[in-house]
Amino acid sequence: MEFVGEYRFNASAMDVWLALNDPEVLMRTIPGCDAMERVTPTDYAGHLKVDLGLLKAGFSGKIFLSELDPPTSYRISVEAHGAIAGSASGSARVRLIDLPHGAVLHYEAETAIGGRLATLGVKLMHGTATRYADKFFARFAKAMDERAQRVEQLPPG
């Protein structure tokens, strides 16, 4: 499956970059995520629960960042395994572009699924993945706005 998307944020590309690399922000914004930790500067491990309608499943996963060019671009690769549901993997090329009043994030992603996930059908999985991406970016945008408000409220140092 292939996905392409673009999201705008009321923050600089550097602020978005820093938040995208913050395990606490990721845990709060990835739908169903109940654990996220940085293993190395470019590797993360986590767990999430996914509701696919007929199938509710937990996945343990790893995230790897490569081709880093802060705060402009990177590649994110994901491997996830669920005891009941099967496996999913994928990667995305992420680009951040500064604009006069914020930044835009553009991504191009490819995913592959196996096990029971594959039996649900590509169309259902594509729709679910798109909904989860939209939820993530809506939550992430809210987290970015909250982060900006906290910075604005800090007394001058």
N, C-alpha and C. Protein backbone atom coordinates (compact mmCIF):
# COMPACT_ATOMS: atom_id res chain seq x y z
N MET A 1 0.84 -1.17 0.00
CA MET A 1 0.00 0.00 0.00
C MET A 1 0.88 1.23 0.00
N GLU A 2 0.45 2.24 -0.72
CA GLU A 2 1.18 3.50 -0.76
C GLU A 2 0.31 4.62 -0.24
N PHE A 3 0.94 5.55 0.46
CA PHE A 3 0.25 6.69 1.04
C PHE A 3 1.07 7.94 0.76
N VAL A 4 0.38 9.03 0.50
CA VAL A 4 1.03 10.32 0.34
C VAL A 4 0.18 11.31 1.13
N GLY A 5 0.84 12.20 1.87
CA GLY A 5 0.08 13.17 2.64
C GLY A 5 0.88 14.41 2.91
N GLU A 6 0.16 15.45 3.32
CA GLU A 6 0.78 16.72 3.63
C GLU A 6 -0.02 17.36 4.76
N TYR A 7 0.70 17.91 5.74
CA TYR A 7 0.07 18.55 6.89
C TYR A 7 0.80 19.84 7.20
N ARG A 8 0.04 20.86 7.62
CA ARG A 8 0.62 22.15 7.98
C ARG A 8 0.56 22.33 9.50
N PHE A 9 1.59 22.98 10.03
CA PHE A 9 1.67 23.22 11.46
C PHE A 9 1.99 24.68 11.73
N ASN A 10 1.52 25.18 12.85
CA ASN A 10 1.81 26.55 13.27
C ASN A 10 3.10 26.55 14.09
N ALA A 11 4.13 26.00 13.53
CA ALA A 11 5.43 25.91 14.20
C ALA A 11 6.50 25.81 13.12
N SER A 12 7.72 26.13 13.51
CA SER A 12 8.82 26.05 12.55
C SER A 12 9.15 24.59 12.25
N ALA A 13 9.86 24.37 11.15
CA ALA A 13 10.28 23.02 10.80
C ALA A 13 11.14 22.42 11.92
N MET A 14 11.99 23.23 12.55
CA MET A 14 12.82 22.72 13.65
C MET A 14 11.97 22.29 14.83
N ASP A 15 10.95 23.08 15.19
CA ASP A 15 10.07 22.69 16.30
C ASP A 15 9.32 21.40 15.98
N VAL A 16 8.86 21.26 14.75
CA VAL A 16 8.17 20.03 14.34
C VAL A 16 9.16 18.86 14.40
N TRP A 17 10.36 19.07 13.89
CA TRP A 17 11.40 18.03 13.91
C TRP A 17 11.65 17.54 15.34
N LEU A 18 11.84 18.49 16.26
CA LEU A 18 12.12 18.12 17.65
C LEU A 18 10.96 17.33 18.26
N ALA A 19 9.73 17.73 17.98
CA ALA A 19 8.57 17.01 18.51
C ALA A 19 8.44 15.63 17.90
N LEU A 20 8.75 15.50 16.61
CA LEU A 20 8.68 14.19 15.96
C LEU A 20 9.72 13.22 16.53
N ASN A 21 10.72 13.74 17.20
CA ASN A 21 11.77 12.91 17.78
C ASN A 21 11.67 12.85 19.29
N ASP A 22 10.54 13.19 19.85
CA ASP A 22 10.32 13.19 21.29
C ASP A 22 9.38 12.02 21.64
N PRO A 23 9.89 10.97 22.31
CA PRO A 23 9.05 9.79 22.61
C PRO A 23 7.78 10.13 23.39
N GLU A 24 7.83 11.14 24.28
CA GLU A 24 6.64 11.51 25.04
C GLU A 24 5.57 12.10 24.13
N VAL A 25 5.97 12.94 23.19
CA VAL A 25 5.02 13.52 22.24
C VAL A 25 4.44 12.40 21.37
N LEU A 26 5.29 11.51 20.90
CA LEU A 26 4.82 10.41 20.05
C LEU A 26 3.83 9.52 20.80
N MET A 27 4.11 9.19 22.05
CA MET A 27 3.22 8.33 22.81
C MET A 27 1.84 8.98 22.99
N ARG A 28 1.82 10.30 23.19
CA ARG A 28 0.55 11.01 23.38
C ARG A 28 -0.23 11.16 22.08
N THR A 29 0.46 11.14 20.95
CA THR A 29 -0.21 11.48 19.69
C THR A 29 -0.47 10.30 18.77
N ILE A 30 0.25 9.20 18.90
CA ILE A 30 -0.01 8.02 18.07
C ILE A 30 -1.23 7.31 18.63
N PRO A 31 -2.30 7.18 17.85
CA PRO A 31 -3.51 6.53 18.36
C PRO A 31 -3.22 5.11 18.85
N GLY A 32 -3.67 4.82 20.06
CA GLY A 32 -3.52 3.47 20.62
C GLY A 32 -2.17 3.20 21.24
N CYS A 33 -1.23 4.14 21.17
CA CYS A 33 0.11 3.91 21.70
C CYS A 33 0.08 3.97 23.23
N ASP A 34 0.58 2.91 23.87
CA ASP A 34 0.63 2.89 25.33
C ASP A 34 2.06 2.76 25.85
N ALA A 35 3.04 2.70 24.96
CA ALA A 35 4.44 2.68 25.37
C ALA A 35 5.31 3.16 24.21
N MET A 36 6.31 3.99 24.53
CA MET A 36 7.25 4.47 23.52
C MET A 36 8.52 4.86 24.25
N GLU A 37 9.64 4.33 23.79
CA GLU A 37 10.91 4.70 24.39
C GLU A 37 11.99 4.81 23.32
N ARG A 38 12.91 5.72 23.56
CA ARG A 38 14.06 5.88 22.68
C ARG A 38 15.09 4.83 23.10
N VAL A 39 15.53 3.99 22.16
CA VAL A 39 16.52 2.95 22.42
C VAL A 39 17.92 3.47 22.11
N THR A 40 18.05 4.17 20.99
CA THR A 40 19.28 4.85 20.59
C THR A 40 18.84 6.21 20.05
N PRO A 41 19.74 7.09 19.67
CA PRO A 41 19.31 8.37 19.11
C PRO A 41 18.41 8.25 17.87
N THR A 42 18.47 7.12 17.17
CA THR A 42 17.66 6.97 15.95
C THR A 42 16.72 5.77 15.98
N ASP A 43 16.64 5.05 17.09
CA ASP A 43 15.78 3.86 17.18
C ASP A 43 14.84 3.98 18.38
N TYR A 44 13.59 3.55 18.16
CA TYR A 44 12.58 3.59 19.20
C TYR A 44 11.91 2.22 19.28
N ALA A 45 11.33 1.93 20.44
CA ALA A 45 10.53 0.72 20.62
C ALA A 45 9.22 1.14 21.26
N GLY A 46 8.15 0.47 20.89
CA GLY A 46 6.86 0.85 21.44
C GLY A 46 5.83 -0.24 21.33
N HIS A 47 4.64 0.07 21.84
CA HIS A 47 3.51 -0.85 21.79
C HIS A 47 2.25 -0.04 21.52
N LEU A 48 1.38 -0.58 20.69
CA LEU A 48 0.10 0.08 20.46
C LEU A 48 -1.00 -0.93 20.24
N LYS A 49 -2.21 -0.47 20.51
CA LYS A 49 -3.42 -1.27 20.31
C LYS A 49 -4.18 -0.67 19.15
N VAL A 50 -4.61 -1.53 18.24
CA VAL A 50 -5.31 -1.08 17.04
C VAL A 50 -6.69 -1.72 17.00
N ASP A 51 -7.70 -0.92 16.68
CA ASP A 51 -9.07 -1.41 16.54
C ASP A 51 -9.41 -1.40 15.06
N LEU A 52 -9.51 -2.59 14.48
CA LEU A 52 -9.81 -2.73 13.05
C LEU A 52 -11.25 -3.17 12.84
N GLY A 53 -12.12 -2.85 13.79
CA GLY A 53 -13.51 -3.26 13.67
C GLY A 53 -13.69 -4.69 14.14
N LEU A 54 -13.49 -5.64 13.24
CA LEU A 54 -13.64 -7.05 13.58
C LEU A 54 -12.47 -7.59 14.39
N LEU A 55 -11.37 -6.89 14.35
CA LEU A 55 -10.15 -7.37 14.99
C LEU A 55 -9.53 -6.25 15.82
N LYS A 56 -9.36 -6.53 17.10
CA LYS A 56 -8.63 -5.62 17.98
C LYS A 56 -7.33 -6.32 18.32
N ALA A 57 -6.22 -5.63 18.11
CA ALA A 57 -4.94 -6.30 18.29
C ALA A 57 -3.91 -5.37 18.90
N GLY A 58 -2.96 -5.98 19.59
CA GLY A 58 -1.83 -5.25 20.13
C GLY A 58 -0.60 -5.56 19.28
N PHE A 59 0.24 -4.56 19.11
CA PHE A 59 1.46 -4.70 18.32
C PHE A 59 2.65 -4.16 19.09
N SER A 60 3.72 -4.92 19.07
CA SER A 60 5.01 -4.42 19.55
C SER A 60 5.78 -4.02 18.31
N GLY A 61 6.44 -2.88 18.39
CA GLY A 61 7.11 -2.41 17.19
C GLY A 61 8.40 -1.70 17.45
N LYS A 62 9.13 -1.53 16.36
CA LYS A 62 10.39 -0.80 16.36
C LYS A 62 10.32 0.25 15.27
N ILE A 63 10.90 1.41 15.56
CA ILE A 63 10.98 2.51 14.61
C ILE A 63 12.44 2.85 14.42
N PHE A 64 12.84 3.00 13.17
CA PHE A 64 14.22 3.32 12.83
C PHE A 64 14.24 4.58 11.98
N LEU A 65 15.07 5.54 12.34
CA LEU A 65 15.23 6.76 11.55
C LEU A 65 16.55 6.69 10.79
N SER A 66 16.53 7.08 9.53
CA SER A 66 17.74 7.08 8.72
C SER A 66 17.69 8.24 7.74
N GLU A 67 18.76 8.42 6.98
CA GLU A 67 18.84 9.50 5.99
C GLU A 67 18.50 10.84 6.63
N LEU A 68 18.98 11.05 7.85
CA LEU A 68 18.65 12.25 8.60
C LEU A 68 19.32 13.50 8.03
N ASP A 69 18.53 14.54 7.84
CA ASP A 69 19.00 15.85 7.42
C ASP A 69 18.20 16.89 8.22
N PRO A 70 18.49 17.03 9.54
CA PRO A 70 17.69 17.89 10.41
C PRO A 70 17.75 19.36 9.99
N PRO A 71 16.68 20.10 10.05
CA PRO A 71 15.30 19.69 10.28
C PRO A 71 14.53 19.53 8.99
N THR A 72 15.19 19.13 7.93
CA THR A 72 14.58 19.11 6.60
C THR A 72 13.95 17.78 6.21
N SER A 73 14.62 16.65 6.49
CA SER A 73 14.08 15.38 6.01
C SER A 73 14.69 14.19 6.73
N TYR A 74 13.99 13.07 6.62
CA TYR A 74 14.51 11.79 7.10
C TYR A 74 13.63 10.67 6.55
N ARG A 75 14.09 9.46 6.73
CA ARG A 75 13.30 8.27 6.41
C ARG A 75 12.97 7.59 7.72
N ILE A 76 11.72 7.21 7.88
CA ILE A 76 11.28 6.47 9.05
C ILE A 76 10.83 5.09 8.59
N SER A 77 11.36 4.07 9.25
CA SER A 77 10.99 2.69 8.94
C SER A 77 10.39 2.06 10.19
N VAL A 78 9.35 1.25 9.99
CA VAL A 78 8.62 0.66 11.10
C VAL A 78 8.45 -0.83 10.87
N GLU A 79 8.63 -1.60 11.95
CA GLU A 79 8.33 -3.03 11.95
C GLU A 79 7.43 -3.28 13.15
N ALA A 80 6.27 -3.91 12.93
CA ALA A 80 5.34 -4.19 14.03
C ALA A 80 4.87 -5.64 13.94
N HIS A 81 4.76 -6.26 15.11
CA HIS A 81 4.33 -7.66 15.17
C HIS A 81 3.27 -7.82 16.25
N GLY A 82 2.20 -8.50 15.88
CA GLY A 82 1.13 -8.80 16.82
C GLY A 82 0.95 -10.30 16.91
N ALA A 83 0.78 -10.81 18.12
CA ALA A 83 0.66 -12.25 18.32
C ALA A 83 -0.55 -12.82 17.56
N ILE A 84 -1.64 -12.08 17.52
CA ILE A 84 -2.87 -12.57 16.88
C ILE A 84 -3.01 -12.06 15.46
N ALA A 85 -2.66 -10.80 15.23
CA ALA A 85 -2.99 -10.14 13.97
C ALA A 85 -1.99 -10.33 12.85
N GLY A 86 -0.76 -10.64 13.17
CA GLY A 86 0.24 -10.76 12.11
C GLY A 86 1.25 -9.64 12.20
N SER A 87 1.72 -9.19 11.05
CA SER A 87 2.79 -8.19 11.06
C SER A 87 2.51 -7.09 10.05
N ALA A 88 3.19 -5.97 10.29
CA ALA A 88 3.12 -4.85 9.36
C ALA A 88 4.50 -4.20 9.34
N SER A 89 4.86 -3.69 8.20
CA SER A 89 6.12 -2.98 8.08
C SER A 89 5.95 -1.88 7.04
N GLY A 90 6.86 -0.94 7.08
CA GLY A 90 6.78 0.12 6.09
C GLY A 90 7.84 1.15 6.32
N SER A 91 7.90 2.08 5.40
CA SER A 91 8.82 3.20 5.55
C SER A 91 8.20 4.42 4.88
N ALA A 92 8.66 5.57 5.33
CA ALA A 92 8.17 6.83 4.76
C ALA A 92 9.32 7.80 4.63
N ARG A 93 9.30 8.54 3.58
CA ARG A 93 10.23 9.65 3.36
C ARG A 93 9.49 10.89 3.82
N VAL A 94 10.03 11.60 4.81
CA VAL A 94 9.39 12.76 5.40
C VAL A 94 10.21 14.00 5.07
N ARG A 95 9.52 15.05 4.60
CA ARG A 95 10.17 16.32 4.31
C ARG A 95 9.45 17.42 5.06
N LEU A 96 10.22 18.32 5.68
CA LEU A 96 9.68 19.48 6.37
C LEU A 96 10.14 20.74 5.66
N ILE A 97 9.20 21.65 5.43
CA ILE A 97 9.51 22.88 4.72
C ILE A 97 9.03 24.05 5.57
N ASP A 98 9.94 24.98 5.88
CA ASP A 98 9.55 26.19 6.61
C ASP A 98 8.75 27.10 5.70
N LEU A 99 7.69 27.66 6.25
CA LEU A 99 6.86 28.65 5.56
C LEU A 99 6.84 29.91 6.42
N PRO A 100 6.34 31.04 5.90
CA PRO A 100 6.33 32.26 6.70
C PRO A 100 5.61 32.13 8.05
N HIS A 101 4.54 31.35 8.13
CA HIS A 101 3.78 31.23 9.38
C HIS A 101 3.66 29.79 9.83
N GLY A 102 4.75 29.03 9.76
CA GLY A 102 4.72 27.64 10.19
C GLY A 102 5.53 26.76 9.27
N ALA A 103 5.16 25.51 9.25
CA ALA A 103 5.88 24.53 8.43
C ALA A 103 4.88 23.55 7.82
N VAL A 104 5.31 22.94 6.73
CA VAL A 104 4.51 21.90 6.11
C VAL A 104 5.33 20.61 6.15
N LEU A 105 4.66 19.52 6.48
CA LEU A 105 5.28 18.19 6.48
C LEU A 105 4.66 17.41 5.33
N HIS A 106 5.50 16.85 4.50
CA HIS A 106 5.05 16.04 3.37
C HIS A 106 5.64 14.65 3.54
N TYR A 107 4.82 13.61 3.32
CA TYR A 107 5.36 12.25 3.41
C TYR A 107 4.88 11.39 2.26
N GLU A 108 5.73 10.44 1.91
CA GLU A 108 5.42 9.40 0.93
C GLU A 108 5.77 8.09 1.61
N ALA A 109 4.78 7.21 1.77
CA ALA A 109 4.99 5.99 2.55
C ALA A 109 4.55 4.75 1.78
N GLU A 110 5.19 3.65 2.12
CA GLU A 110 4.82 2.33 1.59
C GLU A 110 4.70 1.39 2.78
N THR A 111 3.70 0.51 2.74
CA THR A 111 3.53 -0.45 3.82
C THR A 111 3.27 -1.84 3.25
N ALA A 112 3.54 -2.84 4.07
CA ALA A 112 3.24 -4.23 3.73
C ALA A 112 2.65 -4.88 4.97
N ILE A 113 1.68 -5.77 4.78
CA ILE A 113 1.04 -6.46 5.89
C ILE A 113 1.05 -7.96 5.66
N GLY A 114 1.02 -8.72 6.76
CA GLY A 114 1.02 -10.17 6.66
C GLY A 114 0.16 -10.77 7.76
N GLY A 115 -0.09 -12.04 7.68
CA GLY A 115 -0.91 -12.72 8.69
C GLY A 115 -2.38 -12.37 8.56
N ARG A 116 -3.09 -12.35 9.70
CA ARG A 116 -4.53 -12.06 9.67
C ARG A 116 -4.82 -10.67 9.11
N LEU A 117 -3.89 -9.74 9.30
CA LEU A 117 -4.11 -8.41 8.74
C LEU A 117 -4.33 -8.48 7.23
N ALA A 118 -3.55 -9.29 6.57
CA ALA A 118 -3.65 -9.41 5.11
C ALA A 118 -5.00 -9.97 4.69
N THR A 119 -5.61 -10.82 5.52
CA THR A 119 -6.90 -11.41 5.15
C THR A 119 -8.04 -10.40 5.22
N LEU A 120 -7.82 -9.28 5.92
CA LEU A 120 -8.86 -8.26 6.02
C LEU A 120 -9.01 -7.47 4.73
N GLY A 121 -8.02 -7.53 3.89
CA GLY A 121 -8.11 -6.86 2.60
C GLY A 121 -7.41 -5.52 2.59
N VAL A 122 -6.83 -5.23 1.45
CA VAL A 122 -6.05 -4.01 1.28
C VAL A 122 -6.93 -2.78 1.43
N LYS A 123 -8.15 -2.81 0.89
CA LYS A 123 -9.01 -1.63 0.94
C LYS A 123 -9.36 -1.26 2.38
N LEU A 124 -9.73 -2.25 3.19
CA LEU A 124 -10.03 -1.99 4.60
C LEU A 124 -8.79 -1.48 5.32
N MET A 125 -7.66 -2.11 5.09
CA MET A 125 -6.42 -1.72 5.76
C MET A 125 -5.99 -0.32 5.33
N HIS A 126 -6.16 0.01 4.05
CA HIS A 126 -5.78 1.34 3.57
C HIS A 126 -6.65 2.40 4.26
N GLY A 127 -7.94 2.15 4.34
CA GLY A 127 -8.85 3.10 5.00
C GLY A 127 -8.51 3.27 6.47
N THR A 128 -8.22 2.17 7.14
CA THR A 128 -7.87 2.23 8.56
C THR A 128 -6.56 2.97 8.75
N ALA A 129 -5.56 2.67 7.94
CA ALA A 129 -4.27 3.35 8.05
C ALA A 129 -4.42 4.85 7.80
N THR A 130 -5.23 5.22 6.83
CA THR A 130 -5.45 6.64 6.54
C THR A 130 -6.12 7.33 7.72
N ARG A 131 -7.13 6.69 8.33
CA ARG A 131 -7.80 7.27 9.51
C ARG A 131 -6.82 7.43 10.66
N TYR A 132 -5.97 6.43 10.89
CA TYR A 132 -5.00 6.51 11.97
C TYR A 132 -3.99 7.62 11.71
N ALA A 133 -3.55 7.78 10.47
CA ALA A 133 -2.62 8.87 10.13
C ALA A 133 -3.27 10.22 10.37
N ASP A 134 -4.53 10.36 9.96
CA ASP A 134 -5.24 11.63 10.17
C ASP A 134 -5.39 11.92 11.66
N LYS A 135 -5.72 10.90 12.46
CA LYS A 135 -5.83 11.09 13.92
C LYS A 135 -4.48 11.49 14.50
N PHE A 136 -3.41 10.81 14.06
CA PHE A 136 -2.09 11.14 14.57
C PHE A 136 -1.76 12.60 14.29
N PHE A 137 -1.91 13.04 13.04
CA PHE A 137 -1.51 14.39 12.69
C PHE A 137 -2.41 15.44 13.35
N ALA A 138 -3.69 15.14 13.56
CA ALA A 138 -4.56 16.07 14.30
C ALA A 138 -4.07 16.20 15.74
N ARG A 139 -3.76 15.08 16.38
CA ARG A 139 -3.24 15.11 17.75
C ARG A 139 -1.87 15.78 17.80
N PHE A 140 -1.04 15.50 16.81
CA PHE A 140 0.30 16.07 16.77
C PHE A 140 0.21 17.59 16.60
N ALA A 141 -0.69 18.07 15.74
CA ALA A 141 -0.86 19.52 15.55
C ALA A 141 -1.31 20.17 16.86
N LYS A 142 -2.22 19.51 17.58
CA LYS A 142 -2.67 20.04 18.88
C LYS A 142 -1.49 20.08 19.86
N ALA A 143 -0.68 19.03 19.89
CA ALA A 143 0.49 19.00 20.77
C ALA A 143 1.47 20.11 20.40
N MET A 144 1.63 20.39 19.11
CA MET A 144 2.53 21.46 18.67
C MET A 144 1.99 22.82 19.14
N ASP A 145 0.66 23.02 19.04
CA ASP A 145 0.06 24.27 19.50
C ASP A 145 0.25 24.44 21.00
N GLU A 146 0.03 23.35 21.77
CA GLU A 146 0.21 23.41 23.22
C GLU A 146 1.67 23.70 23.58
N ARG A 147 2.57 23.10 22.84
CA ARG A 147 4.01 23.32 23.06
C ARG A 147 4.37 24.79 22.82
N ALA A 148 3.84 25.37 21.76
CA ALA A 148 4.09 26.77 21.43
C ALA A 148 3.53 27.70 22.51
N GLN A 149 2.36 27.37 23.03
CA GLN A 149 1.75 28.19 24.09
C GLN A 149 2.60 28.15 25.36
N ARG A 150 3.15 26.97 25.70
CA ARG A 150 4.01 26.87 26.89
C ARG A 150 5.27 27.71 26.71
N VAL A 151 5.84 27.71 25.52
CA VAL A 151 7.05 28.48 25.26
C VAL A 151 6.74 29.98 25.36
N GLU A 152 5.59 30.40 24.84
CA GLU A 152 5.19 31.81 24.90
C GLU A 152 4.99 32.27 26.33
N GLN A 153 4.58 31.37 27.23
CA GLN A 153 4.28 31.72 28.61
C GLN A 153 5.52 31.73 29.50
N LEU A 154 6.64 31.23 29.02
CA LEU A 154 7.87 31.24 29.82
C LEU A 154 8.34 32.68 30.01
N PRO A 155 8.78 33.00 31.24
CA PRO A 155 9.32 34.35 31.44
C PRO A 155 10.65 34.50 30.69
N PRO A 156 10.98 35.73 30.29
CA PRO A 156 12.25 35.93 29.58
C PRO A 156 13.42 35.48 30.45
N GLY A 157 14.37 34.78 29.85
CA GLY A 157 15.50 34.22 30.60
C GLY A 157 16.68 35.02 30.42
